[in-house]
Structures are given as structure tokens and as C-alpha cells.
Amino acid sequence: MPPKFKRHLNDDDVTGSVKSERRNLLEEDSDEEEDFFLRGPSGPKFGPRNDKIRHVQNQVDEVIDVMQENITKVIERGERLDELQDKSESLSDNATAFSNRSKQLRRQMWWRGCKMKAIMALVAVILLLVIIIPIVLKYRT
């Protein structure tokens, strides 16, 4: 089934059609009623209605200002989120490096402890030999 509407219009399609339609409408002979619909109300004879239009236009301008501020805040928030993401990645890298260094240091300290225990055991054996050998030699003779 073919699509009913063109799903993706580019700006040239939209502005070109609006301009050509306006040009066609303005080129033909037009009276005051058509000018009113094409160009909007003009002059002071539409006073109360013009005030309403100005009021609505002011409201639209306020909404546009609020939306622009919101968009600016969203963009700033996105920038802050990018900065936070960079910082968290940096912290993650530092944490990994710290973990690796701490494991390496733990192994070094374990080997150092083993060496100290081996040296103490060797010293104890040498002291025992120094004490026991003269006693054994004395009783043999």
C-alpha cells in the first residue's frame, strides 16, 4: 500500500510550496477580504481584535522565550553530563590502576614477610646448632 503522505520533507519543499502559494494568491486581483486573509488585519479599525492578537502574540513570545531558556538549560546540562562522564571514566581508570598497584604491593609484602620468616627460622636453627653442637661434643668426649 503506497504511503499517503511524504514522511520526510526537507525545508526547501515546505518553504518553496508556501512561497509559490503566496505568490499565486498575491498576483491575482484581490479585494479587501482576500487581503485581510492573506496579510491579516491592518489599521485601527480592528482595535479590540488587534489587542487580542497582540495579547496572544505576547503569550506566544513568552512561551518561545521559556522554550529557548529550557533548550539552553538542556544543552548546558548535556555539557555537564559529558564532563561528568569524562571524570567518571578518569576515576574508573585511576581505580583500575590503583587496584593493580595494590595487588602488586600486596605480593611484594607477602614475599618480604616470607623472607623474614625464612631468615628468622635460619637464625633460630643456627642458634640451636651453636648451642647444641658444643653440648653434644662435650658429652662425646
C-alpha atoms as a PDB file:
ATOM      1  CA  MET A   1       0.000   0.000   0.000  1.00  0.00           C
ATOM      2  CA  PRO A   2       1.619   3.327  -1.027  1.00  0.00           C
ATOM      3  CA  PRO A   3       2.150   5.927   1.675  1.00  0.00           C
ATOM      4  CA  LYS A   4      -0.438   8.678   1.857  1.00  0.00           C
ATOM      5  CA  PHE A   5       1.993  11.363   2.951  1.00  0.00           C
ATOM      6  CA  LYS A   6       5.606  12.094   2.308  1.00  0.00           C
ATOM      7  CA  ARG A   7       7.199  11.252   5.626  1.00  0.00           C
ATOM      8  CA  HIS A   8      10.366  13.309   5.428  1.00  0.00           C
ATOM      9  CA  LEU A   9      10.051  16.781   3.940  1.00  0.00           C
ATOM     10  CA  ASN A  10      13.077  18.980   3.696  1.00  0.00           C
ATOM     11  CA  ASP A  11      12.985  22.738   4.267  1.00  0.00           C
ATOM     12  CA  ASP A  12      13.097  23.545   0.552  1.00  0.00           C
ATOM     13  CA  ASP A  13       9.914  21.557  -0.099  1.00  0.00           C
ATOM     14  CA  VAL A  14       7.995  23.352   2.636  1.00  0.00           C
ATOM     15  CA  THR A  15       9.230  26.902   2.041  1.00  0.00           C
ATOM     16  CA  GLY A  16       9.019  26.554  -1.719  1.00  0.00           C
ATOM     17  CA  SER A  17       5.389  25.482  -1.613  1.00  0.00           C
ATOM     18  CA  VAL A  18       4.437  28.244   0.824  1.00  0.00           C
ATOM     19  CA  LYS A  19       6.183  30.900  -1.282  1.00  0.00           C
ATOM     20  CA  SER A  20       4.656  29.710  -4.523  1.00  0.00           C
ATOM     21  CA  GLU A  21       1.173  29.590  -2.983  1.00  0.00           C
ATOM     22  CA  ARG A  22       1.519  33.086  -1.542  1.00  0.00           C
ATOM     23  CA  ARG A  23       2.875  34.383  -4.848  1.00  0.00           C
ATOM     24  CA  ASN A  24      -0.064  32.866  -6.735  1.00  0.00           C
ATOM     25  CA  LEU A  25      -2.565  34.363  -4.320  1.00  0.00           C
ATOM     26  CA  LEU A  26      -0.995  37.827  -4.343  1.00  0.00           C
ATOM     27  CA  GLU A  27      -0.526  38.013  -8.121  1.00  0.00           C
ATOM     28  CA  GLU A  28      -4.217  37.687  -8.860  1.00  0.00           C
ATOM     29  CA  ASP A  29      -6.515  40.659  -8.393  1.00  0.00           C
ATOM     30  CA  SER A  30      -7.601  40.693  -4.809  1.00  0.00           C
ATOM     31  CA  ASP A  31     -10.114  42.693  -2.914  1.00  0.00           C
ATOM     32  CA  GLU A  32     -10.070  43.791   0.728  1.00  0.00           C
ATOM     33  CA  GLU A  33     -11.415  40.499   2.082  1.00  0.00           C
ATOM     34  CA  GLU A  34      -8.681  38.473   0.420  1.00  0.00           C
ATOM     35  CA  ASP A  35      -6.039  40.952   1.586  1.00  0.00           C
ATOM     36  CA  PHE A  36      -7.370  40.543   5.126  1.00  0.00           C
ATOM     37  CA  PHE A  37      -6.953  36.765   4.964  1.00  0.00           C
ATOM     38  CA  LEU A  38      -3.539  36.926   3.330  1.00  0.00           C
ATOM     39  CA  ARG A  39      -1.967  39.794   5.255  1.00  0.00           C
ATOM     40  CA  GLY A  40      -4.006  39.927   8.437  1.00  0.00           C
ATOM     41  CA  PRO A  41      -5.876  42.840   9.918  1.00  0.00           C
ATOM     42  CA  SER A  42      -4.432  46.284   9.407  1.00  0.00           C
ATOM     43  CA  GLY A  43      -5.219  49.726  10.700  1.00  0.00           C
ATOM     44  CA  PRO A  44      -7.023  50.968  13.795  1.00  0.00           C
ATOM     45  CA  LYS A  45     -10.487  49.814  12.668  1.00  0.00           C
ATOM     46  CA  PHE A  46      -9.740  46.408  14.199  1.00  0.00           C
ATOM     47  CA  GLY A  47      -8.815  47.802  17.631  1.00  0.00           C
ATOM     48  CA  PRO A  48     -10.252  45.305  20.163  1.00  0.00           C
ATOM     49  CA  ARG A  49      -9.420  42.355  17.954  1.00  0.00           C
ATOM     50  CA  ASN A  50      -5.938  43.729  17.397  1.00  0.00           C
ATOM     51  CA  ASP A  51      -5.468  43.918  21.190  1.00  0.00           C
ATOM     52  CA  LYS A  52      -6.418  40.258  21.479  1.00  0.00           C
ATOM     53  CA  ILE A  53      -3.977  39.382  18.730  1.00  0.00           C
ATOM     54  CA  ARG A  54      -1.236  41.387  20.458  1.00  0.00           C
ATOM     55  CA  HIS A  55      -2.086  39.663  23.740  1.00  0.00           C
ATOM     56  CA  VAL A  56      -1.907  36.224  22.136  1.00  0.00           C
ATOM     57  CA  GLN A  57       1.305  37.200  20.314  1.00  0.00           C
ATOM     58  CA  ASN A  58       2.814  38.332  23.634  1.00  0.00           C
ATOM     59  CA  GLN A  59       1.867  35.000  25.185  1.00  0.00           C
ATOM     60  CA  VAL A  60       3.418  33.165  22.236  1.00  0.00           C
ATOM     61  CA  ASP A  61       6.578  35.267  22.613  1.00  0.00           C
ATOM     62  CA  GLU A  62       6.733  34.412  26.328  1.00  0.00           C
ATOM     63  CA  VAL A  63       6.341  30.717  25.566  1.00  0.00           C
ATOM     64  CA  ILE A  64       9.065  30.975  22.916  1.00  0.00           C
ATOM     65  CA  ASP A  65      11.376  32.684  25.430  1.00  0.00           C
ATOM     66  CA  VAL A  66      10.698  29.995  28.041  1.00  0.00           C
ATOM     67  CA  MET A  67      11.315  27.242  25.496  1.00  0.00           C
ATOM     68  CA  GLN A  68      14.568  28.867  24.382  1.00  0.00           C
ATOM     69  CA  GLU A  69      15.699  29.064  28.016  1.00  0.00           C
ATOM     70  CA  ASN A  70      14.736  25.414  28.509  1.00  0.00           C
ATOM     71  CA  ILE A  71      16.671  24.380  25.415  1.00  0.00           C
ATOM     72  CA  THR A  72      19.688  26.353  26.628  1.00  0.00           C
ATOM     73  CA  LYS A  73      19.452  24.648  30.022  1.00  0.00           C
ATOM     74  CA  VAL A  74      19.178  21.212  28.381  1.00  0.00           C
ATOM     75  CA  ILE A  75      22.270  21.924  26.279  1.00  0.00           C
ATOM     76  CA  GLU A  76      24.186  23.101  29.366  1.00  0.00           C
ATOM     77  CA  ARG A  77      23.016  20.011  31.246  1.00  0.00           C
ATOM     78  CA  GLY A  78      24.236  17.837  28.392  1.00  0.00           C
ATOM     79  CA  GLU A  79      27.637  19.536  28.545  1.00  0.00           C
ATOM     80  CA  ARG A  80      27.797  18.985  32.301  1.00  0.00           C
ATOM     81  CA  LEU A  81      26.820  15.347  31.810  1.00  0.00           C
ATOM     82  CA  ASP A  82      29.623  14.955  29.257  1.00  0.00           C
ATOM     83  CA  GLU A  83      32.084  16.455  31.737  1.00  0.00           C
ATOM     84  CA  LEU A  84      30.834  14.125  34.475  1.00  0.00           C
ATOM     85  CA  GLN A  85      31.146  11.154  32.156  1.00  0.00           C
ATOM     86  CA  ASP A  86      34.744  12.110  31.339  1.00  0.00           C
ATOM     87  CA  LYS A  87      35.533  12.500  35.024  1.00  0.00           C
ATOM     88  CA  SER A  88      33.924   9.161  35.892  1.00  0.00           C
ATOM     89  CA  GLU A  89      35.908   7.427  33.137  1.00  0.00           C
ATOM     90  CA  SER A  90      39.071   9.019  34.508  1.00  0.00           C
ATOM     91  CA  LEU A  91      38.192   7.875  38.026  1.00  0.00           C
ATOM     92  CA  SER A  92      37.487   4.381  36.737  1.00  0.00           C
ATOM     93  CA  ASP A  93      40.888   4.266  35.034  1.00  0.00           C
ATOM     94  CA  ASN A  94      42.578   5.535  38.199  1.00  0.00           C
ATOM     95  CA  ALA A  95      40.719   2.953  40.287  1.00  0.00           C
ATOM     96  CA  THR A  96      41.875   0.158  37.980  1.00  0.00           C
ATOM     97  CA  ALA A  97      45.482   1.379  38.139  1.00  0.00           C
ATOM     98  CA  PHE A  98      45.245   1.665  41.951  1.00  0.00           C
ATOM     99  CA  SER A  99      43.843  -1.858  42.190  1.00  0.00           C
ATOM    100  CA  ASN A 100      46.665  -3.264  40.067  1.00  0.00           C
ATOM    101  CA  ARG A 101      49.333  -1.424  42.090  1.00  0.00           C
ATOM    102  CA  SER A 102      47.791  -2.547  45.384  1.00  0.00           C
ATOM    103  CA  LYS A 103      47.808  -6.197  44.240  1.00  0.00           C
ATOM    104  CA  GLN A 104      51.447  -5.859  43.213  1.00  0.00           C
ATOM    105  CA  LEU A 105      52.331  -4.249  46.553  1.00  0.00           C
ATOM    106  CA  ARG A 106      50.444  -6.980  48.450  1.00  0.00           C
ATOM    107  CA  ARG A 107      52.510  -9.654  46.650  1.00  0.00           C
ATOM    108  CA  GLN A 108      55.741  -7.799  47.420  1.00  0.00           C
ATOM    109  CA  MET A 109      54.821  -7.521  51.077  1.00  0.00           C
ATOM    110  CA  TRP A 110      53.865 -11.216  51.204  1.00  0.00           C
ATOM    111  CA  TRP A 111      57.256 -12.201  49.750  1.00  0.00           C
ATOM    112  CA  ARG A 112      59.002  -9.839  52.146  1.00  0.00           C
ATOM    113  CA  GLY A 113      57.137 -11.490  55.047  1.00  0.00           C
ATOM    114  CA  CYS A 114      58.098 -14.940  53.768  1.00  0.00           C
ATOM    115  CA  LYS A 115      61.760 -13.878  53.508  1.00  0.00           C
ATOM    116  CA  MET A 116      61.666 -12.513  57.061  1.00  0.00           C
ATOM    117  CA  LYS A 117      60.163 -15.752  58.345  1.00  0.00           C
ATOM    118  CA  ALA A 118      62.789 -17.777  56.484  1.00  0.00           C
ATOM    119  CA  ILE A 119      65.612 -15.602  57.864  1.00  0.00           C
ATOM    120  CA  MET A 120      64.221 -15.894  61.414  1.00  0.00           C
ATOM    121  CA  ALA A 121      63.930 -19.668  61.037  1.00  0.00           C
ATOM    122  CA  LEU A 122      67.518 -19.844  59.729  1.00  0.00           C
ATOM    123  CA  VAL A 123      68.780 -17.692  62.634  1.00  0.00           C
ATOM    124  CA  ALA A 124      66.915 -19.916  65.086  1.00  0.00           C
ATOM    125  CA  VAL A 125      68.400 -23.053  63.515  1.00  0.00           C
ATOM    126  CA  ILE A 126      71.906 -21.543  63.604  1.00  0.00           C
ATOM    127  CA  LEU A 127      71.452 -20.550  67.280  1.00  0.00           C
ATOM    128  CA  LEU A 128      70.238 -24.020  68.138  1.00  0.00           C
ATOM    129  CA  LEU A 129      73.180 -25.546  66.310  1.00  0.00           C
ATOM    130  CA  VAL A 130      75.580 -23.195  68.101  1.00  0.00           C
ATOM    131  CA  ILE A 131      74.090 -24.181  71.424  1.00  0.00           C
ATOM    132  CA  ILE A 132      73.563 -27.899  70.765  1.00  0.00           C
ATOM    133  CA  ILE A 133      76.824 -28.766  68.928  1.00  0.00           C
ATOM    134  CA  PRO A 134      79.153 -27.806  71.831  1.00  0.00           C
ATOM    135  CA  ILE A 135      76.941 -29.718  74.262  1.00  0.00           C
ATOM    136  CA  VAL A 136      76.913 -32.818  72.082  1.00  0.00           C
ATOM    137  CA  LEU A 137      80.668 -32.636  71.524  1.00  0.00           C
ATOM    138  CA  LYS A 138      81.296 -32.260  75.232  1.00  0.00           C
ATOM    139  CA  TYR A 139      79.345 -35.386  76.109  1.00  0.00           C
ATOM    140  CA  ARG A 140      81.040 -37.448  73.367  1.00  0.00           C
ATOM    141  CA  THR A 141      84.454 -36.968  74.669  1.00  0.00           C
END
